[in-house]
Amino acid sequence: FTANAFIPWVNEANLEKPVIAFLDGHKTHMSLQVSTL
């Protein structure tokens, strides 16, 4: 989702960076790969 939907949406919306994404802290929402992306 992060690679194919969220990051492209942020880029297409031309949001000023940095963008802050709030996550609920569940372990399935965090990984080194997501953090790096």
Full PDB file with SEQRES, HELIX, SHEET, SSBOND, CRYST1, ORIGX, SCALE, CONECT and MASTER records, all heavy atoms in Angstrom:
SEQRES   1 A   37  PHE THR ALA ASN ALA PHE ILE PRO TRP VAL ASN GLU ALA          
SEQRES   2 A   37  ASN LEU GLU LYS PRO VAL ILE ALA PHE LEU ASP GLY HIS          
SEQRES   3 A   37  LYS THR HIS MET SER LEU GLN VAL SER THR LEU                  
HELIX    1 AA1 THR A    2  PHE A    6  3                                   5    
HELIX    2 AA2 ILE A    7  GLU A   12  1                                   6    
HELIX    3 AA3 LYS A   27  HIS A   29  5                                   3    
HELIX    4 AA4 LEU A   32  THR A   36  1                                   5    
CRYST1    1.000    1.000    1.000  90.00  90.00  90.00 P 1           1          
ORIGX1      1.000000  0.000000  0.000000        0.00000                         
ORIGX2      0.000000  1.000000  0.000000        0.00000                         
ORIGX3      0.000000  0.000000  1.000000        0.00000                         
SCALE1      1.000000  0.000000  0.000000        0.00000                         
SCALE2      0.000000  1.000000  0.000000        0.00000                         
SCALE3      0.000000  0.000000  1.000000        0.00000                         
ATOM      1  N   PHE A   1       0.832  -1.203   0.000  1.00  0.00           N  
ATOM      2  CA  PHE A   1       0.000   0.000   0.000  1.00  0.00           C  
ATOM      3  C   PHE A   1       0.865   1.250   0.000  1.00  0.00           C  
ATOM      4  O   PHE A   1       0.605   2.206  -0.748  1.00  0.00           O  
ATOM      5  CB  PHE A   1      -0.942   0.018   1.201  1.00  0.00           C  
ATOM      6  CG  PHE A   1      -1.677   1.318   1.341  1.00  0.00           C  
ATOM      7  CD1 PHE A   1      -2.778   1.586   0.544  1.00  0.00           C  
ATOM      8  CD2 PHE A   1      -1.269   2.276   2.246  1.00  0.00           C  
ATOM      9  CE1 PHE A   1      -3.445   2.796   0.651  1.00  0.00           C  
ATOM     10  CE2 PHE A   1      -1.930   3.478   2.368  1.00  0.00           C  
ATOM     11  CZ  PHE A   1      -3.022   3.744   1.564  1.00  0.00           C  
ATOM     12  N   THR A   2       1.885   1.257   0.832  1.00  0.00           N  
ATOM     13  CA  THR A   2       2.755   2.429   0.930  1.00  0.00           C  
ATOM     14  C   THR A   2       3.427   2.722  -0.398  1.00  0.00           C  
ATOM     15  O   THR A   2       3.424   3.865  -0.872  1.00  0.00           O  
ATOM     16  CB  THR A   2       3.825   2.214   2.022  1.00  0.00           C  
ATOM     17  OG1 THR A   2       3.158   1.937   3.260  1.00  0.00           O  
ATOM     18  CG2 THR A   2       4.708   3.431   2.179  1.00  0.00           C  
ATOM     19  N   ALA A   3       3.992   1.700  -1.016  1.00  0.00           N  
ATOM     20  CA  ALA A   3       4.736   1.886  -2.264  1.00  0.00           C  
ATOM     21  C   ALA A   3       3.833   2.166  -3.459  1.00  0.00           C  
ATOM     22  O   ALA A   3       4.172   2.985  -4.318  1.00  0.00           O  
ATOM     23  CB  ALA A   3       5.595   0.649  -2.546  1.00  0.00           C  
ATOM     24  N   ASN A   4       2.686   1.493  -3.531  1.00  0.00           N  
ATOM     25  CA  ASN A   4       1.842   1.580  -4.728  1.00  0.00           C  
ATOM     26  C   ASN A   4       0.700   2.576  -4.635  1.00  0.00           C  
ATOM     27  O   ASN A   4       0.117   2.922  -5.663  1.00  0.00           O  
ATOM     28  CB  ASN A   4       1.263   0.206  -5.058  1.00  0.00           C  
ATOM     29  CG  ASN A   4       2.341  -0.784  -5.428  1.00  0.00           C  
ATOM     30  OD1 ASN A   4       3.398  -0.413  -5.925  1.00  0.00           O  
ATOM     31  ND2 ASN A   4       2.096  -2.046  -5.179  1.00  0.00           N  
ATOM     32  N   ALA A   5       0.357   3.016  -3.430  1.00  0.00           N  
ATOM     33  CA  ALA A   5      -0.783   3.920  -3.304  1.00  0.00           C  
ATOM     34  C   ALA A   5      -0.436   5.199  -2.540  1.00  0.00           C  
ATOM     35  O   ALA A   5      -0.656   6.293  -3.046  1.00  0.00           O  
ATOM     36  CB  ALA A   5      -1.949   3.205  -2.614  1.00  0.00           C  
ATOM     37  N   PHE A   6       0.100   5.063  -1.332  1.00  0.00           N  
ATOM     38  CA  PHE A   6       0.285   6.246  -0.497  1.00  0.00           C  
ATOM     39  C   PHE A   6       1.346   7.195  -1.040  1.00  0.00           C  
ATOM     40  O   PHE A   6       1.087   8.394  -1.215  1.00  0.00           O  
ATOM     41  CB  PHE A   6       0.608   5.849   0.949  1.00  0.00           C  
ATOM     42  CG  PHE A   6       0.731   7.029   1.867  1.00  0.00           C  
ATOM     43  CD1 PHE A   6      -0.371   7.831   2.129  1.00  0.00           C  
ATOM     44  CD2 PHE A   6       1.935   7.346   2.458  1.00  0.00           C  
ATOM     45  CE1 PHE A   6      -0.272   8.930   2.961  1.00  0.00           C  
ATOM     46  CE2 PHE A   6       2.052   8.437   3.297  1.00  0.00           C  
ATOM     47  CZ  PHE A   6       0.945   9.234   3.552  1.00  0.00           C  
ATOM     48  N   ILE A   7       2.528   6.689  -1.317  1.00  0.00           N  
ATOM     49  CA  ILE A   7       3.602   7.558  -1.817  1.00  0.00           C  
ATOM     50  C   ILE A   7       3.231   8.173  -3.169  1.00  0.00           C  
ATOM     51  O   ILE A   7       3.410   9.382  -3.357  1.00  0.00           O  
ATOM     52  CB  ILE A   7       4.952   6.814  -1.861  1.00  0.00           C  
ATOM     53  CG1 ILE A   7       5.414   6.536  -0.423  1.00  0.00           C  
ATOM     54  CG2 ILE A   7       6.009   7.615  -2.615  1.00  0.00           C  
ATOM     55  CD1 ILE A   7       6.665   5.687  -0.312  1.00  0.00           C  
ATOM     56  N   PRO A   8       2.681   7.410  -4.125  1.00  0.00           N  
ATOM     57  CA  PRO A   8       2.245   8.054  -5.375  1.00  0.00           C  
ATOM     58  C   PRO A   8       1.178   9.133  -5.144  1.00  0.00           C  
ATOM     59  O   PRO A   8       1.202  10.178  -5.794  1.00  0.00           O  
ATOM     60  CB  PRO A   8       1.698   6.899  -6.209  1.00  0.00           C  
ATOM     61  CG  PRO A   8       2.430   5.706  -5.713  1.00  0.00           C  
ATOM     62  CD  PRO A   8       2.599   5.951  -4.231  1.00  0.00           C  
ATOM     63  N   TRP A   9       0.247   8.893  -4.209  1.00  0.00           N  
ATOM     64  CA  TRP A   9      -0.781   9.893  -3.917  1.00  0.00           C  
ATOM     65  C   TRP A   9      -0.149  11.169  -3.357  1.00  0.00           C  
ATOM     66  O   TRP A   9      -0.530  12.278  -3.759  1.00  0.00           O  
ATOM     67  CB  TRP A   9      -1.807   9.342  -2.929  1.00  0.00           C  
ATOM     68  CG  TRP A   9      -2.808  10.380  -2.547  1.00  0.00           C  
ATOM     69  CD1 TRP A   9      -3.904  10.762  -3.255  1.00  0.00           C  
ATOM     70  CD2 TRP A   9      -2.771  11.194  -1.371  1.00  0.00           C  
ATOM     71  NE1 TRP A   9      -4.565  11.761  -2.579  1.00  0.00           N  
ATOM     72  CE2 TRP A   9      -3.889  12.050  -1.420  1.00  0.00           C  
ATOM     73  CE3 TRP A   9      -1.914  11.272  -0.283  1.00  0.00           C  
ATOM     74  CZ2 TRP A   9      -4.168  12.978  -0.426  1.00  0.00           C  
ATOM     75  CZ3 TRP A   9      -2.189  12.199   0.702  1.00  0.00           C  
ATOM     76  CH2 TRP A   9      -3.302  13.030   0.629  1.00  0.00           C  
ATOM     77  N   VAL A  10       0.799  11.022  -2.435  1.00  0.00           N  
ATOM     78  CA  VAL A  10       1.482  12.194  -1.873  1.00  0.00           C  
ATOM     79  C   VAL A  10       2.169  12.980  -2.989  1.00  0.00           C  
ATOM     80  O   VAL A  10       2.074  14.208  -3.042  1.00  0.00           O  
ATOM     81  CB  VAL A  10       2.502  11.765  -0.793  1.00  0.00           C  
ATOM     82  CG1 VAL A  10       3.438  12.905  -0.417  1.00  0.00           C  
ATOM     83  CG2 VAL A  10       1.793  11.236   0.440  1.00  0.00           C  
ATOM     84  N   ASN A  11       2.828  12.284  -3.898  1.00  0.00           N  
ATOM     85  CA  ASN A  11       3.522  12.957  -4.995  1.00  0.00           C  
ATOM     86  C   ASN A  11       2.551  13.620  -5.968  1.00  0.00           C  
ATOM     87  O   ASN A  11       2.778  14.752  -6.405  1.00  0.00           O  
ATOM     88  CB  ASN A  11       4.433  11.972  -5.724  1.00  0.00           C  
ATOM     89  CG  ASN A  11       5.591  11.529  -4.857  1.00  0.00           C  
ATOM     90  OD1 ASN A  11       6.031  12.252  -3.965  1.00  0.00           O  
ATOM     91  ND2 ASN A  11       6.084  10.334  -5.094  1.00  0.00           N  
ATOM     92  N   GLU A  12       1.468  12.937  -6.317  1.00  0.00           N  
ATOM     93  CA  GLU A  12       0.491  13.499  -7.256  1.00  0.00           C  
ATOM     94  C   GLU A  12      -0.251  14.692  -6.656  1.00  0.00           C  
ATOM     95  O   GLU A  12      -0.646  15.604  -7.384  1.00  0.00           O  
ATOM     96  CB  GLU A  12      -0.514  12.422  -7.673  1.00  0.00           C  
ATOM     97  CG  GLU A  12       0.090  11.365  -8.569  1.00  0.00           C  
ATOM     98  CD  GLU A  12      -0.828  10.171  -8.778  1.00  0.00           C  
ATOM     99  OE1 GLU A  12      -2.025  10.241  -8.400  1.00  0.00           O  
ATOM    100  OE2 GLU A  12      -0.345   9.158  -9.309  1.00  0.00           O  
ATOM    101  N   ALA A  13      -0.438  14.688  -5.355  1.00  0.00           N  
ATOM    102  CA  ALA A  13      -1.140  15.791  -4.689  1.00  0.00           C  
ATOM    103  C   ALA A  13      -0.233  17.008  -4.502  1.00  0.00           C  
ATOM    104  O   ALA A  13      -0.692  18.057  -4.040  1.00  0.00           O  
ATOM    105  CB  ALA A  13      -1.682  15.325  -3.342  1.00  0.00           C  
ATOM    106  N   ASN A  14       1.039  16.880  -4.857  1.00  0.00           N  
ATOM    107  CA  ASN A  14       2.018  17.960  -4.720  1.00  0.00           C  
ATOM    108  C   ASN A  14       2.025  18.550  -3.312  1.00  0.00           C  
ATOM    109  O   ASN A  14       2.060  19.757  -3.134  1.00  0.00           O  
ATOM    110  CB  ASN A  14       1.757  19.064  -5.753  1.00  0.00           C  
ATOM    111  CG  ASN A  14       2.020  18.594  -7.150  1.00  0.00           C  
ATOM    112  OD1 ASN A  14       3.004  17.905  -7.408  1.00  0.00           O  
ATOM    113  ND2 ASN A  14       1.135  18.937  -8.070  1.00  0.00           N  
ATOM    114  N   LEU A  15       1.987  17.678  -2.325  1.00  0.00           N  
ATOM    115  CA  LEU A  15       2.015  18.126  -0.932  1.00  0.00           C  
ATOM    116  C   LEU A  15       3.405  18.632  -0.580  1.00  0.00           C  
ATOM    117  O   LEU A  15       4.413  18.091  -1.037  1.00  0.00           O  
ATOM    118  CB  LEU A  15       1.626  16.982   0.002  1.00  0.00           C  
ATOM    119  CG  LEU A  15       0.226  16.409  -0.180  1.00  0.00           C  
ATOM    120  CD1 LEU A  15       0.009  15.237   0.762  1.00  0.00           C  
ATOM    121  CD2 LEU A  15      -0.825  17.477   0.044  1.00  0.00           C  
ATOM    122  N   GLU A  16       3.425  19.675   0.231  1.00  0.00           N  
ATOM    123  CA  GLU A  16       4.706  20.212   0.680  1.00  0.00           C  
ATOM    124  C   GLU A  16       5.362  19.199   1.604  1.00  0.00           C  
ATOM    125  O   GLU A  16       4.723  18.645   2.494  1.00  0.00           O  
ATOM    126  CB  GLU A  16       4.477  21.526   1.416  1.00  0.00           C  
ATOM    127  CG  GLU A  16       5.748  22.214   1.830  1.00  0.00           C  
ATOM    128  CD  GLU A  16       5.491  23.552   2.491  1.00  0.00           C  
ATOM    129  OE1 GLU A  16       4.408  24.126   2.286  1.00  0.00           O  
ATOM    130  OE2 GLU A  16       6.376  23.996   3.230  1.00  0.00           O  
ATOM    131  N   LYS A  17       6.623  18.946   1.387  1.00  0.00           N  
ATOM    132  CA  LYS A  17       7.338  17.954   2.180  1.00  0.00           C  
ATOM    133  C   LYS A  17       8.190  18.649   3.223  1.00  0.00           C  
ATOM    134  O   LYS A  17       8.626  19.753   3.000  1.00  0.00           O  
ATOM    135  CB  LYS A  17       8.187  17.087   1.257  1.00  0.00           C  
ATOM    136  CG  LYS A  17       7.308  16.376   0.253  1.00  0.00           C  
ATOM    137  CD  LYS A  17       7.835  15.051  -0.134  1.00  0.00           C  
ATOM    138  CE  LYS A  17       6.851  14.390  -1.077  1.00  0.00           C  
ATOM    139  NZ  LYS A  17       7.432  13.972  -2.298  1.00  0.00           N  
ATOM    140  N   PRO A  18       8.406  18.056   4.325  1.00  0.00           N  
ATOM    141  CA  PRO A  18       8.038  16.692   4.676  1.00  0.00           C  
ATOM    142  C   PRO A  18       6.552  16.570   5.021  1.00  0.00           C  
ATOM    143  O   PRO A  18       5.928  17.519   5.489  1.00  0.00           O  
ATOM    144  CB  PRO A  18       8.902  16.366   5.891  1.00  0.00           C  
ATOM    145  CG  PRO A  18       9.143  17.693   6.534  1.00  0.00           C  
ATOM    146  CD  PRO A  18       9.171  18.693   5.406  1.00  0.00           C  
ATOM    147  N   VAL A  19       6.010  15.397   4.785  1.00  0.00           N  
ATOM    148  CA  VAL A  19       4.641  15.038   5.129  1.00  0.00           C  
ATOM    149  C   VAL A  19       4.713  14.149   6.365  1.00  0.00           C  
ATOM    150  O   VAL A  19       5.583  13.289   6.457  1.00  0.00           O  
ATOM    151  CB  VAL A  19       3.973  14.271   3.963  1.00  0.00           C  
ATOM    152  CG1 VAL A  19       2.637  13.699   4.368  1.00  0.00           C  
ATOM    153  CG2 VAL A  19       3.837  15.171   2.749  1.00  0.00           C  
ATOM    154  N   ILE A  20       3.809  14.370   7.313  1.00  0.00           N  
ATOM    155  CA  ILE A  20       3.767  13.524   8.497  1.00  0.00           C  
ATOM    156  C   ILE A  20       2.617  12.537   8.345  1.00  0.00           C  
ATOM    157  O   ILE A  20       1.482  12.942   8.089  1.00  0.00           O  
ATOM    158  CB  ILE A  20       3.582  14.344   9.783  1.00  0.00           C  
ATOM    159  CG1 ILE A  20       4.748  15.310   9.961  1.00  0.00           C  
ATOM    160  CG2 ILE A  20       3.459  13.422  10.996  1.00  0.00           C  
ATOM    161  CD1 ILE A  20       4.594  16.245  11.131  1.00  0.00           C  
ATOM    162  N   ALA A  21       2.906  11.256   8.484  1.00  0.00           N  
ATOM    163  CA  ALA A  21       1.887  10.207   8.430  1.00  0.00           C  
ATOM    164  C   ALA A  21       1.745   9.622   9.824  1.00  0.00           C  
ATOM    165  O   ALA A  21       2.708   9.129  10.403  1.00  0.00           O  
ATOM    166  CB  ALA A  21       2.276   9.129   7.432  1.00  0.00           C  
ATOM    167  N   PHE A  22       0.537   9.692  10.364  1.00  0.00           N  
ATOM    168  CA  PHE A  22       0.257   9.135  11.687  1.00  0.00           C  
ATOM    169  C   PHE A  22      -0.196   7.696  11.534  1.00  0.00           C  
ATOM    170  O   PHE A  22      -1.145   7.416  10.800  1.00  0.00           O  
ATOM    171  CB  PHE A  22      -0.840   9.950  12.386  1.00  0.00           C  
ATOM    172  CG  PHE A  22      -0.393  11.335  12.744  1.00  0.00           C  
ATOM    173  CD1 PHE A  22      -0.596  12.384  11.879  1.00  0.00           C  
ATOM    174  CD2 PHE A  22       0.230  11.579  13.960  1.00  0.00           C  
ATOM    175  CE1 PHE A  22      -0.188  13.660  12.206  1.00  0.00           C  
ATOM    176  CE2 PHE A  22       0.644  12.855  14.293  1.00  0.00           C  
ATOM    177  CZ  PHE A  22       0.436  13.900  13.412  1.00  0.00           C  
ATOM    178  N   LEU A  23       0.481   6.788  12.203  1.00  0.00           N  
ATOM    179  CA  LEU A  23       0.138   5.373  12.173  1.00  0.00           C  
ATOM    180  C   LEU A  23      -0.246   4.935  13.579  1.00  0.00           C  
ATOM    181  O   LEU A  23       0.219   5.499  14.562  1.00  0.00           O  
ATOM    182  CB  LEU A  23       1.317   4.536  11.677  1.00  0.00           C  
ATOM    183  CG  LEU A  23       1.861   4.891  10.295  1.00  0.00           C  
ATOM    184  CD1 LEU A  23       3.112   4.084  10.002  1.00  0.00           C  
ATOM    185  CD2 LEU A  23       0.815   4.666   9.238  1.00  0.00           C  
ATOM    186  N   ASP A  24      -1.076   3.900  13.653  1.00  0.00           N  
ATOM    187  CA  ASP A  24      -1.572   3.485  14.965  1.00  0.00           C  
ATOM    188  C   ASP A  24      -0.606   2.611  15.749  1.00  0.00           C  
ATOM    189  O   ASP A  24      -0.929   2.138  16.818  1.00  0.00           O  
ATOM    190  CB  ASP A  24      -2.926   2.803  14.853  1.00  0.00           C  
ATOM    191  CG  ASP A  24      -2.880   1.488  14.113  1.00  0.00           C  
ATOM    192  OD1 ASP A  24      -1.786   1.036  13.734  1.00  0.00           O  
ATOM    193  OD2 ASP A  24      -3.956   0.909  13.919  1.00  0.00           O  
ATOM    194  N   GLY A  25       0.577   2.402  15.284  1.00  0.00           N  
ATOM    195  CA  GLY A  25       1.582   1.687  16.056  1.00  0.00           C  
ATOM    196  C   GLY A  25       1.466   0.178  16.020  1.00  0.00           C  
ATOM    197  O   GLY A  25       2.227  -0.509  16.693  1.00  0.00           O  
ATOM    198  N   HIS A  26       0.520  -0.351  15.257  1.00  0.00           N  
ATOM    199  CA  HIS A  26       0.409  -1.808  15.163  1.00  0.00           C  
ATOM    200  C   HIS A  26       1.628  -2.343  14.425  1.00  0.00           C  
ATOM    201  O   HIS A  26       2.107  -1.739  13.462  1.00  0.00           O  
ATOM    202  CB  HIS A  26      -0.871  -2.198  14.423  1.00  0.00           C  
ATOM    203  CG  HIS A  26      -1.195  -3.648  14.549  1.00  0.00           C  
ATOM    204  ND1 HIS A  26      -0.696  -4.582  13.679  1.00  0.00           N  
ATOM    205  CD2 HIS A  26      -1.959  -4.315  15.441  1.00  0.00           C  
ATOM    206  CE1 HIS A  26      -1.140  -5.777  14.026  1.00  0.00           C  
ATOM    207  NE2 HIS A  26      -1.917  -5.644  15.096  1.00  0.00           N  
ATOM    208  N   LYS A  27       2.141  -3.480  14.876  1.00  0.00           N  
ATOM    209  CA  LYS A  27       3.398  -3.993  14.319  1.00  0.00           C  
ATOM    210  C   LYS A  27       3.317  -4.288  12.820  1.00  0.00           C  
ATOM    211  O   LYS A  27       4.331  -4.242  12.135  1.00  0.00           O  
ATOM    212  CB  LYS A  27       3.850  -5.235  15.080  1.00  0.00           C  
ATOM    213  CG  LYS A  27       2.922  -6.420  14.949  1.00  0.00           C  
ATOM    214  CD  LYS A  27       3.433  -7.607  15.747  1.00  0.00           C  
ATOM    215  CE  LYS A  27       2.502  -8.785  15.602  1.00  0.00           C  
ATOM    216  NZ  LYS A  27       2.968  -9.935  16.336  1.00  0.00           N  
ATOM    217  N   THR A  28       2.125  -4.555  12.291  1.00  0.00           N  
ATOM    218  CA  THR A  28       2.009  -4.825  10.854  1.00  0.00           C  
ATOM    219  C   THR A  28       2.128  -3.561  10.016  1.00  0.00           C  
ATOM    220  O   THR A  28       2.296  -3.639   8.805  1.00  0.00           O  
ATOM    221  CB  THR A  28       0.673  -5.514  10.521  1.00  0.00           C  
ATOM    222  OG1 THR A  28      -0.403  -4.646  10.892  1.00  0.00           O  
ATOM    223  CG2 THR A  28       0.554  -6.844  11.232  1.00  0.00           C  
ATOM    224  N   HIS A  29       2.052  -2.396  10.650  1.00  0.00           N  
ATOM    225  CA  HIS A  29       2.142  -1.144   9.909  1.00  0.00           C  
ATOM    226  C   HIS A  29       3.567  -0.610   9.841  1.00  0.00           C  
ATOM    227  O   HIS A  29       3.792   0.395   9.184  1.00  0.00           O  
ATOM    228  CB  HIS A  29       1.240  -0.088  10.541  1.00  0.00           C  
ATOM    229  CG  HIS A  29      -0.202  -0.458  10.499  1.00  0.00           C  
ATOM    230  ND1 HIS A  29      -1.107   0.041  11.386  1.00  0.00           N  
ATOM    231  CD2 HIS A  29      -0.906  -1.281   9.690  1.00  0.00           C  
ATOM    232  CE1 HIS A  29      -2.299  -0.449  11.126  1.00  0.00           C  
ATOM    233  NE2 HIS A  29      -2.195  -1.267  10.096  1.00  0.00           N  
ATOM    234  N   MET A  30       4.482  -1.261  10.518  1.00  0.00           N  
ATOM    235  CA  MET A  30       5.859  -0.781  10.529  1.00  0.00           C  
ATOM    236  C   MET A  30       6.831  -1.878  10.140  1.00  0.00           C  
ATOM    237  O   MET A  30       6.700  -3.015  10.566  1.00  0.00           O  
ATOM    238  CB  MET A  30       6.246  -0.280  11.921  1.00  0.00           C  
ATOM    239  CG  MET A  30       5.942   1.175  12.157  1.00  0.00           C  
ATOM    240  SD  MET A  30       6.625   2.283  10.916  1.00  0.00           S  
ATOM    241  CE  MET A  30       8.368   1.974  11.033  1.00  0.00           C  
ATOM    242  N   SER A  31       7.764  -1.500   9.311  1.00  0.00           N  
ATOM    243  CA  SER A  31       8.870  -2.382   8.954  1.00  0.00           C  
ATOM    244  C   SER A  31      10.013  -1.489   8.501  1.00  0.00           C  
ATOM    245  O   SER A  31       9.816  -0.307   8.202  1.00  0.00           O  
ATOM    246  CB  SER A  31       8.468  -3.353   7.840  1.00  0.00           C  
ATOM    247  OG  SER A  31       8.297  -2.662   6.625  1.00  0.00           O  
ATOM    248  N   LEU A  32      11.184  -2.050   8.426  1.00  0.00           N  
ATOM    249  CA  LEU A  32      12.334  -1.291   7.946  1.00  0.00           C  
ATOM    250  C   LEU A  32      12.104  -0.849   6.501  1.00  0.00           C  
ATOM    251  O   LEU A  32      12.447   0.269   6.124  1.00  0.00           O  
ATOM    252  CB  LEU A  32      13.612  -2.124   8.059  1.00  0.00           C  
ATOM    253  CG  LEU A  32      14.891  -1.442   7.588  1.00  0.00           C  
ATOM    254  CD1 LEU A  32      15.138  -0.145   8.358  1.00  0.00           C  
ATOM    255  CD2 LEU A  32      16.064  -2.377   7.727  1.00  0.00           C  
ATOM    256  N   GLN A  33      11.475  -1.703   5.704  1.00  0.00           N  
ATOM    257  CA  GLN A  33      11.223  -1.375   4.305  1.00  0.00           C  
ATOM    258  C   GLN A  33      10.267  -0.175   4.187  1.00  0.00           C  
ATOM    259  O   GLN A  33      10.511   0.738   3.407  1.00  0.00           O  
ATOM    260  CB  GLN A  33      10.658  -2.583   3.571  1.00  0.00           C  
ATOM    261  CG  GLN A  33      10.539  -2.379   2.077  1.00  0.00           C  
ATOM    262  CD  GLN A  33      10.074  -3.641   1.360  1.00  0.00           C  
ATOM    263  OE1 GLN A  33       9.630  -4.592   1.980  1.00  0.00           O  
ATOM    264  NE2 GLN A  33      10.183  -3.630   0.053  1.00  0.00           N  
ATOM    265  N   VAL A  34       9.179  -0.176   4.971  1.00  0.00           N  
ATOM    266  CA  VAL A  34       8.236   0.948   4.946  1.00  0.00           C  
ATOM    267  C   VAL A  34       8.930   2.219   5.427  1.00  0.00           C  
ATOM    268  O   VAL A  34       8.783   3.291   4.831  1.00  0.00           O  
ATOM    269  CB  VAL A  34       6.990   0.648   5.803  1.00  0.00           C  
ATOM    270  CG1 VAL A  34       6.155   1.902   6.001  1.00  0.00           C  
ATOM    271  CG2 VAL A  34       6.154  -0.438   5.173  1.00  0.00           C  
ATOM    272  N   SER A  35       9.690   2.110   6.495  1.00  0.00           N  
ATOM    273  CA  SER A  35      10.407   3.256   7.024  1.00  0.00           C  
ATOM    274  C   SER A  35      11.368   3.838   5.991  1.00  0.00           C  
ATOM    275  O   SER A  35      11.435   5.054   5.805  1.00  0.00           O  
ATOM    276  CB  SER A  35      11.157   2.850   8.283  1.00  0.00           C  
ATOM    277  OG  SER A  35      11.843   3.940   8.825  1.00  0.00           O  
ATOM    278  N   THR A  36      12.090   2.996   5.302  1.00  0.00           N  
ATOM    279  CA  THR A  36      13.035   3.444   4.276  1.00  0.00           C  
ATOM    280  C   THR A  36      12.314   4.087   3.097  1.00  0.00           C  
ATOM    281  O   THR A  36      12.727   5.148   2.614  1.00  0.00           O  
ATOM    282  CB  THR A  36      13.904   2.259   3.797  1.00  0.00           C  
ATOM    283  OG1 THR A  36      14.581   1.708   4.920  1.00  0.00           O  
ATOM    284  CG2 THR A  36      14.915   2.701   2.763  1.00  0.00           C  
ATOM    285  N   LEU A  37      11.229   3.463   2.630  1.00  0.00           N  
ATOM    286  CA  LEU A  37      10.447   4.032   1.525  1.00  0.00           C  
ATOM    287  C   LEU A  37       9.949   5.429   1.880  1.00  0.00           C  
ATOM    288  O   LEU A  37      10.055   6.358   1.071  1.00  0.00           O  
ATOM    289  CB  LEU A  37       9.250   3.133   1.198  1.00  0.00           C  
ATOM    290  CG  LEU A  37       9.499   1.856   0.419  1.00  0.00           C  
ATOM    291  CD1 LEU A  37       8.242   0.986   0.407  1.00  0.00           C  
ATOM    292  CD2 LEU A  37       9.904   2.185  -1.010  1.00  0.00           C  
TER     293      LEU A  37                                                      
MASTER        0    0    0    4    0    0    0    6  292    1    0    3          
END                                                                             
